[in-house]
Amino acid sequence: MNLGVVIVSYNVRDLLHVCLTSLYYDIAHTLELRATVVVVDNNSLDDSADMVAEVFPQVELIATGENLGFAGGTNRGLSALGFGTKPLQATRPDAILLLNPDTELHTGALATLTRFMADTPRAGGCGARLTYSDGSFQHSAFRFPGLTQLFLDLYPLHHWLIDTPFNGRYPRRLYSGTEPFSVDFLLGAALMVRSEVIDTVGLLDESYFMYAEEMDWCRRIQDAGWPLYCIPTAHITHYEGQSARQFRSLMTVALWRSRLRYYETYYPSWKRRAARMLISQGMKSQAKRARSAYTHGQYDADELQNRLAAYRQVRDLL
């Protein structure tokens, strides 16, 4: 298989180094795999681009000069690989892998994913089993969100509901097995998609600056008749959210802006109204919890004000 890999990076130089090291090691140990790796640097301030140019000269490096977000950066990488252009380039990869810079591939992950794509021609895409840095379980795939999942996100109830279908989760036993299982959507941290699928559904929607862009893309892929799968025997460590943690309050607003766009696109009118009501009340509830946390010394005054400002901005979006 001829594989294209797109990594969108922002201010995670050391993790990006780990990611690329593991990626090239796995490429070298995967028979009959040719890979082109594109790193899109979203105007990092930590010399990430210089590190890539110096240590990994085989990478096709795109320094954007601005932060394009995940969707915008990914589309720049896909364009560099020949997608979204007409006429179609004959040298394009057979499939692409979206890979977060805060990931580390375990040996054999690429072989497992590409073998599945080769053996399952009707599969639109697939993803790996993800674990956190300490080896603990991370959900790699989810059901498309409904109002119940939105309610549980805003109003956490009993902890046993977290891993249930009510909250959009697939059973952990499926991740512990050896058989691929079909899913609604996969995390963009490690998402492999067949090239002809991209020709059918197009690139990512850049109106999602951050969050929900892979959910929207997977929804379009599913609607076009291409099923998606999680492959539990392909293992990738995900250090999760390292770029987003640099701007927590801003990312809170970005998260809900993207979710609202998704709801507006795919929900009927009655469900959109219900979602807006839930979110409005949810932001009030979260503001109340933040004030309580401040009272108990869990936040300082600046953190409290940042959180309250973010919750107000979310309500202004409604």
Protein backbone atom coordinates (compact mmCIF):
# COMPACT_ATOMS: atom_id res chain seq x y z
CA MET A 1 0.00 0.00 0.00
CA ASN A 2 1.02 3.57 -0.66
CA LEU A 3 0.08 5.48 2.48
CA GLY A 4 -0.04 9.21 3.12
CA VAL A 5 0.26 10.41 6.72
CA VAL A 6 -0.88 13.88 7.78
CA ILE A 7 0.17 15.26 11.16
CA VAL A 8 -1.07 18.70 12.23
CA SER A 9 1.11 20.04 15.02
CA TYR A 10 1.06 23.03 17.36
CA ASN A 11 3.62 23.65 20.11
CA VAL A 12 4.30 20.00 21.01
CA ARG A 13 7.86 19.65 19.69
CA ASP A 14 9.02 16.89 22.04
CA LEU A 15 5.90 14.81 21.58
CA LEU A 16 6.10 15.33 17.82
CA HIS A 17 9.64 13.95 17.91
CA VAL A 18 8.39 10.84 19.71
CA CYS A 19 5.51 10.49 17.26
CA LEU A 20 7.69 10.72 14.15
CA THR A 21 10.31 8.38 15.60
CA SER A 22 7.71 5.71 16.28
CA LEU A 23 6.02 6.32 12.93
CA TYR A 24 9.17 5.85 10.87
CA TYR A 25 10.17 2.82 12.91
CA ASP A 26 6.82 1.22 12.18
CA ILE A 27 6.99 2.17 8.51
CA ALA A 28 10.41 0.52 8.25
CA HIS A 29 9.04 -2.67 9.84
CA THR A 30 5.92 -2.91 7.65
CA LEU A 31 6.45 -4.97 4.52
CA GLU A 32 5.35 -3.59 1.16
CA LEU A 33 4.38 -0.21 2.65
CA ARG A 34 5.44 3.03 1.03
CA ALA A 35 4.63 6.12 3.03
CA THR A 36 4.76 9.87 2.52
CA VAL A 37 4.61 11.85 5.76
CA VAL A 38 3.38 15.44 5.80
CA VAL A 39 3.71 17.57 8.93
CA VAL A 40 1.65 20.74 8.95
CA ASP A 41 3.01 23.14 11.56
CA ASN A 42 0.29 25.56 12.67
CA ASN A 43 2.71 28.39 13.49
CA SER A 44 4.26 26.76 16.56
CA LEU A 45 6.40 28.94 18.81
CA ASP A 46 8.56 26.11 20.21
CA ASP A 47 10.81 25.48 17.18
CA SER A 48 8.78 22.42 16.16
CA ALA A 49 9.28 23.17 12.47
CA ASP A 50 13.04 23.56 12.89
CA MET A 51 13.19 20.25 14.75
CA VAL A 52 11.33 18.44 11.97
CA ALA A 53 13.51 19.97 9.26
CA GLU A 54 16.71 19.05 11.09
CA VAL A 55 15.89 15.60 12.49
CA PHE A 56 13.40 14.31 9.91
CA PRO A 57 14.43 15.75 6.54
CA GLN A 58 12.37 13.07 4.76
CA VAL A 59 9.17 14.71 6.07
CA GLU A 60 7.29 17.05 3.76
CA LEU A 61 7.04 20.04 6.08
CA ILE A 62 4.39 22.73 5.63
CA ALA A 63 4.84 25.77 7.86
CA THR A 64 1.52 27.61 7.65
CA GLY A 65 2.56 30.88 9.29
CA GLU A 66 -0.81 30.90 11.09
CA ASN A 67 -2.96 28.59 13.15
CA LEU A 68 -5.42 27.02 10.70
CA GLY A 69 -7.00 24.71 13.27
CA PHE A 70 -7.15 20.95 12.89
CA ALA A 71 -9.45 20.86 9.87
CA GLY A 72 -7.65 23.64 8.02
CA GLY A 73 -4.23 22.17 8.75
CA THR A 74 -5.35 18.67 7.76
CA ASN A 75 -6.73 19.95 4.48
CA ARG A 76 -3.40 21.62 3.71
CA GLY A 77 -1.72 18.28 4.24
CA LEU A 78 -4.30 16.43 2.14
CA SER A 79 -3.88 18.95 -0.66
CA ALA A 80 -0.13 18.37 -0.60
CA LEU A 81 -0.87 14.67 -1.12
CA GLY A 82 -3.04 15.40 -4.15
CA PHE A 83 -6.54 15.48 -2.67
CA GLY A 84 -9.10 18.15 -3.45
CA THR A 85 -7.48 18.89 -6.81
CA LYS A 86 -8.69 18.28 -10.32
CA PRO A 87 -7.64 16.43 -12.30
CA LEU A 88 -6.82 13.80 -9.72
CA GLN A 89 -3.13 13.06 -9.34
CA ALA A 90 -2.07 9.54 -10.30
CA THR A 91 0.60 9.55 -7.59
CA ARG A 92 -1.82 9.98 -4.71
CA PRO A 93 -1.71 7.48 -1.83
CA ASP A 94 -4.14 4.57 -1.64
CA ALA A 95 -5.15 5.71 1.83
CA ILE A 96 -4.31 8.45 4.29
CA LEU A 97 -3.73 8.34 8.02
CA LEU A 98 -4.60 11.35 10.15
CA LEU A 99 -2.28 11.16 13.14
CA ASN A 100 -2.05 13.47 16.12
CA PRO A 101 1.42 14.68 17.09
CA ASP A 102 0.81 13.48 20.67
CA THR A 103 0.65 9.83 19.66
CA GLU A 104 3.17 6.99 19.71
CA LEU A 105 2.71 3.97 17.47
CA HIS A 106 3.35 0.50 18.82
CA THR A 107 5.19 -1.72 16.37
CA GLY A 108 2.80 -3.40 13.96
CA ALA A 109 0.05 -0.79 14.16
CA LEU A 110 0.51 0.29 10.54
CA ALA A 111 0.72 -3.28 9.28
CA THR A 112 -2.52 -4.15 11.05
CA LEU A 113 -4.42 -1.10 9.82
CA THR A 114 -3.23 -1.27 6.22
CA ARG A 115 -3.81 -5.03 6.05
CA PHE A 116 -7.39 -4.52 7.20
CA MET A 117 -7.96 -1.85 4.55
CA ALA A 118 -6.51 -4.10 1.85
CA ASP A 119 -8.59 -7.09 2.95
CA THR A 120 -11.83 -5.12 3.44
CA PRO A 121 -12.40 -3.13 0.25
CA ARG A 122 -15.82 -1.87 1.35
CA ALA A 123 -14.44 -0.31 4.52
CA GLY A 124 -14.28 3.45 4.28
CA GLY A 125 -11.77 3.74 7.07
CA CYS A 126 -10.49 2.39 10.35
CA GLY A 127 -8.82 3.37 13.58
CA ALA A 128 -6.62 1.86 16.25
CA ARG A 129 -7.07 0.96 19.90
CA LEU A 130 -5.88 3.94 21.93
CA THR A 131 -4.45 4.02 25.43
CA TYR A 132 -3.32 6.90 27.61
CA SER A 133 0.32 7.47 28.50
CA ASP A 134 0.02 5.32 31.62
CA GLY A 135 -1.37 2.44 29.57
CA SER A 136 -4.93 2.90 30.78
CA PHE A 137 -7.91 2.51 28.47
CA GLN A 138 -9.11 5.30 26.19
CA HIS A 139 -12.22 5.16 24.05
CA SER A 140 -11.14 5.29 20.41
CA ALA A 141 -14.59 5.46 18.81
CA PHE A 142 -18.06 6.69 19.63
CA ARG A 143 -21.67 6.63 18.53
CA PHE A 144 -22.99 9.79 16.93
CA PRO A 145 -24.24 12.00 19.77
CA GLY A 146 -27.88 12.39 20.70
CA LEU A 147 -29.61 14.39 23.41
CA THR A 148 -28.99 11.75 26.06
CA GLN A 149 -25.24 11.91 25.51
CA LEU A 150 -25.39 15.71 25.54
CA PHE A 151 -27.30 15.64 28.85
CA LEU A 152 -24.78 13.29 30.44
CA ASP A 153 -21.91 15.46 29.25
CA LEU A 154 -23.42 18.55 30.86
CA TYR A 155 -24.86 16.87 33.94
CA PRO A 156 -22.66 13.96 35.01
CA LEU A 157 -24.74 11.45 36.92
CA HIS A 158 -23.59 8.11 38.29
CA HIS A 159 -20.10 7.07 37.11
CA TRP A 160 -21.38 3.76 35.76
CA LEU A 161 -23.18 5.61 32.97
CA ILE A 162 -19.92 6.90 31.49
CA ASP A 163 -19.03 3.69 29.63
CA THR A 164 -22.52 2.84 28.42
CA PRO A 165 -24.28 3.27 25.06
CA PHE A 166 -26.31 6.04 26.73
CA ASN A 167 -23.09 8.05 26.67
CA GLY A 168 -22.13 7.01 23.15
CA ARG A 169 -19.53 4.43 24.21
CA TYR A 170 -18.82 0.97 22.85
CA PRO A 171 -18.23 -1.90 25.32
CA ARG A 172 -14.67 -2.22 26.55
CA ARG A 173 -14.76 -5.95 25.82
CA LEU A 174 -14.72 -5.10 22.10
CA TYR A 175 -11.42 -3.24 22.53
CA SER A 176 -10.03 -6.19 24.47
CA GLY A 177 -10.84 -8.62 21.67
CA THR A 178 -9.13 -9.35 18.39
CA GLU A 179 -11.99 -8.74 15.95
CA PRO A 180 -12.62 -5.43 14.14
CA PHE A 181 -15.96 -3.89 15.09
CA SER A 182 -18.05 -1.31 13.26
CA VAL A 183 -18.41 2.15 14.80
CA ASP A 184 -20.13 5.44 14.04
CA PHE A 185 -17.03 7.64 14.22
CA LEU A 186 -13.38 7.43 15.18
CA LEU A 187 -11.16 9.94 16.92
CA GLY A 188 -9.01 11.97 14.56
CA ALA A 189 -6.00 11.09 16.71
CA ALA A 190 -5.49 8.04 14.49
CA LEU A 191 -7.92 7.76 11.60
CA MET A 192 -7.15 5.95 8.33
CA VAL A 193 -9.41 6.70 5.34
CA ARG A 194 -9.47 5.21 1.84
CA SER A 195 -8.58 7.65 -0.94
CA GLU A 196 -11.71 7.06 -3.02
CA VAL A 197 -13.78 7.88 0.05
CA ILE A 198 -12.17 11.32 0.18
CA ASP A 199 -12.96 11.74 -3.50
CA THR A 200 -16.60 11.03 -2.68
CA VAL A 201 -17.14 13.09 0.48
CA GLY A 202 -14.51 15.80 0.09
CA LEU A 203 -12.06 17.26 2.59
CA LEU A 204 -12.77 18.23 6.19
CA ASP A 205 -15.16 21.10 6.88
CA GLU A 206 -12.93 24.01 7.90
CA SER A 207 -15.77 25.80 9.68
CA TYR A 208 -14.89 23.45 12.53
CA PHE A 209 -11.76 25.16 13.83
CA MET A 210 -11.25 22.62 16.61
CA TYR A 211 -13.29 19.60 17.73
CA ALA A 212 -16.09 17.64 16.01
CA GLU A 213 -14.44 17.92 12.59
CA GLU A 214 -13.66 14.20 12.46
CA MET A 215 -17.18 13.43 13.70
CA ASP A 216 -18.65 15.46 10.84
CA TRP A 217 -16.27 13.81 8.34
CA CYS A 218 -17.15 10.33 9.58
CA ARG A 219 -20.84 11.20 9.38
CA ARG A 220 -20.43 12.15 5.73
CA ILE A 221 -18.43 8.98 5.10
CA GLN A 222 -21.13 6.83 6.69
CA ASP A 223 -23.91 8.67 4.84
CA ALA A 224 -22.06 7.91 1.58
CA GLY A 225 -22.29 4.19 2.37
CA TRP A 226 -18.76 3.54 3.64
CA PRO A 227 -18.63 1.77 7.04
CA LEU A 228 -15.94 2.52 9.61
CA TYR A 229 -14.21 0.10 11.97
CA CYS A 230 -12.06 0.05 15.07
CA ILE A 231 -9.18 -2.45 14.91
CA PRO A 232 -8.31 -3.44 18.51
CA THR A 233 -5.13 -5.30 17.53
CA ALA A 234 -3.57 -2.04 16.27
CA HIS A 235 -2.28 -0.18 19.33
CA ILE A 236 -1.36 3.51 19.59
CA THR A 237 -0.60 5.50 22.74
CA HIS A 238 -2.35 8.86 22.81
CA TYR A 239 -0.95 11.48 25.15
CA GLU A 240 -4.21 13.36 24.49
CA GLY A 241 -5.05 17.01 24.24
CA GLN A 242 -1.56 18.44 24.69
CA SER A 243 -2.11 21.29 22.23
CA ALA A 244 -5.61 22.11 23.47
CA ARG A 245 -4.48 22.26 27.10
CA GLN A 246 -2.46 25.35 26.32
CA PHE A 247 -5.69 27.35 25.97
CA ARG A 248 -8.32 25.63 28.12
CA SER A 249 -10.92 28.41 28.23
CA LEU A 250 -10.60 29.16 24.52
CA MET A 251 -10.94 25.47 23.76
CA THR A 252 -14.11 25.27 25.85
CA VAL A 253 -15.68 27.86 23.57
CA ALA A 254 -14.27 26.16 20.46
CA LEU A 255 -15.69 22.81 21.61
CA TRP A 256 -19.23 24.08 21.99
CA ARG A 257 -19.08 26.19 18.85
CA SER A 258 -18.18 23.06 16.90
CA ARG A 259 -20.79 20.94 18.61
CA LEU A 260 -23.46 23.53 17.85
CA ARG A 261 -22.44 23.52 14.21
CA TYR A 262 -22.75 19.73 14.16
CA TYR A 263 -26.20 19.89 15.76
CA GLU A 264 -27.32 22.56 13.30
CA THR A 265 -26.15 20.39 10.40
CA TYR A 266 -27.56 17.02 11.44
CA TYR A 267 -30.32 17.55 14.02
CA PRO A 268 -33.96 18.26 13.15
CA SER A 269 -35.32 21.60 14.38
CA TRP A 270 -36.94 20.24 17.56
CA LYS A 271 -33.73 18.53 18.61
CA ARG A 272 -31.70 21.67 17.90
CA ARG A 273 -33.98 23.66 20.20
CA ALA A 274 -33.70 21.03 22.91
CA ALA A 275 -29.91 20.98 22.56
CA ARG A 276 -29.66 24.76 22.91
CA MET A 277 -31.81 24.67 26.06
CA LEU A 278 -29.66 21.92 27.56
CA ILE A 279 -26.45 23.77 26.79
CA SER A 280 -27.74 27.06 28.18
CA GLN A 281 -28.72 25.46 31.47
CA GLY A 282 -25.56 23.38 31.44
CA MET A 283 -23.35 26.46 31.25
CA LYS A 284 -25.18 27.95 34.24
CA SER A 285 -24.63 24.72 36.13
CA GLN A 286 -20.94 24.63 35.26
CA ALA A 287 -20.55 28.25 36.33
CA LYS A 288 -22.11 27.35 39.68
CA ARG A 289 -19.71 24.42 40.08
CA ALA A 290 -16.76 26.67 39.19
CA ARG A 291 -17.72 29.17 41.88
CA SER A 292 -18.01 26.33 44.40
CA ALA A 293 -14.57 25.02 43.37
CA TYR A 294 -13.12 28.52 43.84
CA THR A 295 -14.67 28.73 47.30
CA HIS A 296 -13.02 25.44 48.23
CA GLY A 297 -9.62 26.59 46.96
CA GLN A 298 -9.54 24.43 43.81
CA TYR A 299 -9.26 27.45 41.47
CA ASP A 300 -7.57 30.80 41.87
CA ALA A 301 -9.37 34.03 40.96
CA ASP A 302 -7.91 34.18 37.43
CA GLU A 303 -8.93 30.62 36.63
CA LEU A 304 -12.43 31.27 37.93
CA GLN A 305 -12.84 34.38 35.79
CA ASN A 306 -11.49 32.58 32.70
CA ARG A 307 -13.97 29.75 33.17
CA LEU A 308 -16.92 32.06 33.82
CA ALA A 309 -16.04 34.13 30.74
CA ALA A 310 -15.91 30.95 28.63
CA TYR A 311 -19.32 29.80 29.86
CA ARG A 312 -20.79 33.22 29.04
CA GLN A 313 -19.31 33.08 25.57
CA VAL A 314 -20.85 29.68 24.99
CA ARG A 315 -24.27 30.96 26.01
CA ASP A 316 -23.80 33.91 23.63
CA LEU A 317 -23.46 31.37 20.79
CA LEU A 318 -26.94 29.98 21.40
